[in-house]
Amino acid sequence: MKATCRRRLAVFLTGLLLAMLATATHAEYVWIDKKNIRNYSDWSPPASTPIKRILKAPRQSSWAEELYKEETKAEPSPKEVLENSSVAQREAEYKKRLQEQAEKDKEAQEARKLAKETARRCSRAREYQATLQSGIRITRMSQDGQRSFMTDKQRAQELNEIKRVLADCSKN
């Protein structure tokens, strides 16, 4: 009877030892992929995965997981910022925001002014085009103060120039 007990005990201990070895050799990897999804596998992560995104590897401590948590730590909320900042810091931030807003307003005003000026120039160009196309005689003053009439060739050149100006107007 002692022999069978010993044999059973030996078989049990051998099985237990094999089970412990099997779990020790079972490697599991945990990593965060590009889509921020946690992956579990007994295969190593793709080579393109940065080391800081590998949370667990065989024979690796949890330092990688702590590194990931530090890296993905969220920005503090406005309430936390207010609690952790001094009055002088808040005043400086307020002045900075006011200055940025003033710059944005100035840029917007300049953009409106430029758009208004462009619209005025385009309107004048359309009027001049209508005058040129009407066929009425147009006079010009020379440098010596003499009046001269615009020739058909000059009229065609002016129309081409006005068409280029109006093409720029249609882009805006």
Protein backbone atom coordinates (compact mmCIF):
# COMPACT_ATOMS: atom_id res chain seq x y z
CA MET A 1 0.00 0.00 0.00
CA LYS A 2 2.82 2.37 0.75
CA ALA A 3 4.14 1.89 -2.79
CA THR A 4 0.84 2.86 -4.40
CA CYS A 5 0.55 5.93 -2.16
CA ARG A 6 4.06 6.96 -3.06
CA ARG A 7 3.36 6.34 -6.74
CA ARG A 8 0.16 8.40 -6.58
CA LEU A 9 1.94 11.16 -4.70
CA ALA A 10 4.76 11.16 -7.28
CA VAL A 11 2.24 11.32 -10.16
CA PHE A 12 0.36 14.11 -8.41
CA LEU A 13 3.52 16.12 -7.72
CA THR A 14 4.74 15.57 -11.28
CA GLY A 15 1.40 16.79 -12.64
CA LEU A 16 1.47 19.77 -10.31
CA LEU A 17 5.03 20.62 -11.36
CA LEU A 18 4.10 20.35 -15.06
CA ALA A 19 1.05 22.58 -14.54
CA MET A 20 3.20 25.19 -12.80
CA LEU A 21 5.77 25.08 -15.60
CA ALA A 22 3.05 25.40 -18.25
CA THR A 23 1.63 28.54 -16.65
CA ALA A 24 5.09 30.03 -16.22
CA THR A 25 5.93 29.50 -19.88
CA HIS A 26 2.56 30.84 -21.05
CA ALA A 27 3.55 34.29 -22.20
CA GLU A 28 0.95 37.00 -22.50
CA TYR A 29 1.46 40.37 -24.13
CA VAL A 30 -0.73 43.40 -23.51
CA TRP A 31 -0.40 46.53 -25.65
CA ILE A 32 -2.35 49.55 -26.86
CA ASP A 33 -2.70 49.79 -30.65
CA LYS A 34 -2.99 52.89 -32.85
CA LYS A 35 -6.75 53.08 -32.24
CA ASN A 36 -6.20 53.09 -28.45
CA ILE A 37 -7.59 49.57 -28.09
CA ARG A 38 -6.04 47.27 -25.49
CA ASN A 39 -4.89 43.99 -27.08
CA TYR A 40 -4.11 40.69 -25.33
CA SER A 41 -2.14 37.97 -27.07
CA ASP A 42 0.40 35.24 -26.57
CA TRP A 43 2.15 36.60 -29.67
CA SER A 44 4.33 39.66 -29.47
CA PRO A 45 2.82 42.95 -30.72
CA PRO A 46 3.62 44.21 -34.23
CA ALA A 47 7.06 45.70 -34.75
CA SER A 48 5.47 49.10 -35.43
CA THR A 49 4.14 49.26 -31.85
CA PRO A 50 6.27 51.64 -29.73
CA ILE A 51 7.75 50.19 -26.56
CA LYS A 52 5.92 52.73 -24.41
CA ARG A 53 2.59 51.28 -25.66
CA ILE A 54 3.45 47.71 -24.58
CA LEU A 55 1.88 47.33 -21.16
CA LYS A 56 2.90 43.78 -20.36
CA ALA A 57 5.40 41.35 -21.79
CA PRO A 58 6.82 38.10 -20.42
CA ARG A 59 9.29 38.74 -17.61
CA GLN A 60 8.37 42.40 -17.58
CA SER A 61 7.21 44.38 -14.58
CA SER A 62 4.28 46.75 -14.71
CA TRP A 63 6.58 49.74 -15.35
CA ALA A 64 5.29 49.94 -18.94
CA GLU A 65 1.71 50.24 -17.74
CA GLU A 66 2.69 53.03 -15.34
CA LEU A 67 4.55 54.78 -18.15
CA TYR A 68 1.44 54.57 -20.34
CA LYS A 69 -0.76 55.95 -17.58
CA GLU A 70 1.58 58.91 -17.09
CA GLU A 71 1.72 59.53 -20.82
CA THR A 72 -2.05 59.50 -21.29
CA LYS A 73 -2.80 61.55 -18.21
CA ALA A 74 -5.63 63.94 -19.03
CA GLU A 75 -5.28 67.71 -19.06
CA PRO A 76 -6.38 69.31 -15.80
CA SER A 77 -9.90 70.65 -15.76
CA PRO A 78 -10.48 74.44 -15.62
CA LYS A 79 -11.59 74.06 -12.02
CA GLU A 80 -8.31 72.32 -11.08
CA VAL A 81 -6.34 75.02 -12.89
CA LEU A 82 -8.17 77.71 -10.91
CA GLU A 83 -7.56 75.92 -7.63
CA ASN A 84 -3.85 75.40 -8.36
CA SER A 85 -3.02 78.86 -9.76
CA SER A 86 -2.38 82.12 -8.01
CA VAL A 87 -4.29 85.34 -8.56
CA ALA A 88 -1.35 86.81 -10.47
CA GLN A 89 -1.24 83.83 -12.83
CA ARG A 90 -4.98 84.04 -13.46
CA GLU A 91 -4.70 87.78 -14.10
CA ALA A 92 -1.84 87.21 -16.56
CA GLU A 93 -3.82 84.50 -18.38
CA TYR A 94 -6.85 86.81 -18.54
CA LYS A 95 -4.78 89.64 -20.02
CA LYS A 96 -3.27 87.22 -22.53
CA ARG A 97 -6.73 86.04 -23.61
CA LEU A 98 -7.90 89.67 -23.94
CA GLN A 99 -4.90 90.51 -26.10
CA GLU A 100 -5.46 87.45 -28.31
CA GLN A 101 -9.13 88.38 -28.72
CA ALA A 102 -8.19 91.96 -29.61
CA GLU A 103 -5.77 90.67 -32.26
CA LYS A 104 -8.46 88.40 -33.71
CA ASP A 105 -10.93 91.30 -33.80
CA LYS A 106 -8.37 93.53 -35.52
CA GLU A 107 -7.64 90.83 -38.14
CA ALA A 108 -11.35 90.33 -38.75
CA GLN A 109 -11.87 94.09 -39.14
CA GLU A 110 -8.99 94.30 -41.63
CA ALA A 111 -10.42 91.35 -43.56
CA ARG A 112 -13.84 93.07 -43.72
CA LYS A 113 -12.20 96.32 -44.84
CA LEU A 114 -10.24 94.51 -47.57
CA ALA A 115 -13.38 92.69 -48.73
CA LYS A 116 -15.29 95.96 -48.87
CA GLU A 117 -12.52 97.65 -50.88
CA THR A 118 -12.34 94.69 -53.27
CA ALA A 119 -16.11 94.81 -53.79
CA ARG A 120 -15.88 98.56 -54.54
CA ARG A 121 -13.09 98.02 -57.09
CA CYS A 122 -15.00 95.20 -58.76
CA SER A 123 -18.12 97.36 -58.98
CA ARG A 124 -16.17 100.18 -60.64
CA ALA A 125 -14.58 97.69 -63.06
CA ARG A 126 -18.02 96.36 -64.05
CA GLU A 127 -19.25 99.91 -64.67
CA TYR A 128 -16.19 100.70 -66.80
CA GLN A 129 -16.68 97.48 -68.76
CA ALA A 130 -20.30 98.44 -69.45
CA THR A 131 -19.14 101.88 -70.63
CA LEU A 132 -16.52 100.36 -72.94
CA GLN A 133 -18.99 97.84 -74.37
CA SER A 134 -21.68 100.48 -74.97
CA GLY A 135 -19.78 101.89 -77.95
CA ILE A 136 -20.02 105.54 -76.94
CA ARG A 137 -17.06 107.73 -77.70
CA ILE A 138 -14.66 108.03 -74.78
CA THR A 139 -12.24 110.91 -74.49
CA ARG A 140 -8.95 111.06 -72.69
CA MET A 141 -6.75 113.93 -71.65
CA SER A 142 -3.15 113.84 -72.83
CA GLN A 143 -0.24 115.14 -70.76
CA ASP A 144 -0.32 118.47 -72.51
CA GLY A 145 -4.04 118.89 -71.69
CA GLN A 146 -5.44 118.07 -75.15
CA ARG A 147 -8.54 115.85 -75.48
CA SER A 148 -8.31 112.79 -77.69
CA PHE A 149 -10.79 110.05 -78.47
CA MET A 150 -10.10 106.41 -77.61
CA THR A 151 -9.39 104.27 -80.70
CA ASP A 152 -10.92 100.83 -81.27
CA LYS A 153 -7.55 99.24 -80.58
CA GLN A 154 -7.25 101.11 -77.23
CA ARG A 155 -10.85 100.12 -76.39
CA ALA A 156 -10.04 96.42 -77.04
CA GLN A 157 -6.92 96.64 -74.86
CA GLU A 158 -8.94 98.24 -72.04
CA LEU A 159 -11.64 95.54 -72.33
CA ASN A 160 -9.01 92.80 -72.05
CA GLU A 161 -7.53 94.46 -68.98
CA ILE A 162 -10.98 94.84 -67.39
CA LYS A 163 -11.76 91.16 -68.09
CA ARG A 164 -8.59 90.15 -66.19
CA VAL A 165 -9.56 92.37 -63.27
CA LEU A 166 -13.10 90.94 -63.24
CA ALA A 167 -11.73 87.39 -63.38
CA ASP A 168 -9.93 88.13 -60.10
CA CYS A 169 -13.20 89.51 -58.72
CA SER A 170 -15.06 86.30 -59.53
CA LYS A 171 -12.45 84.26 -57.62
CA ASN A 172 -13.13 86.24 -54.45
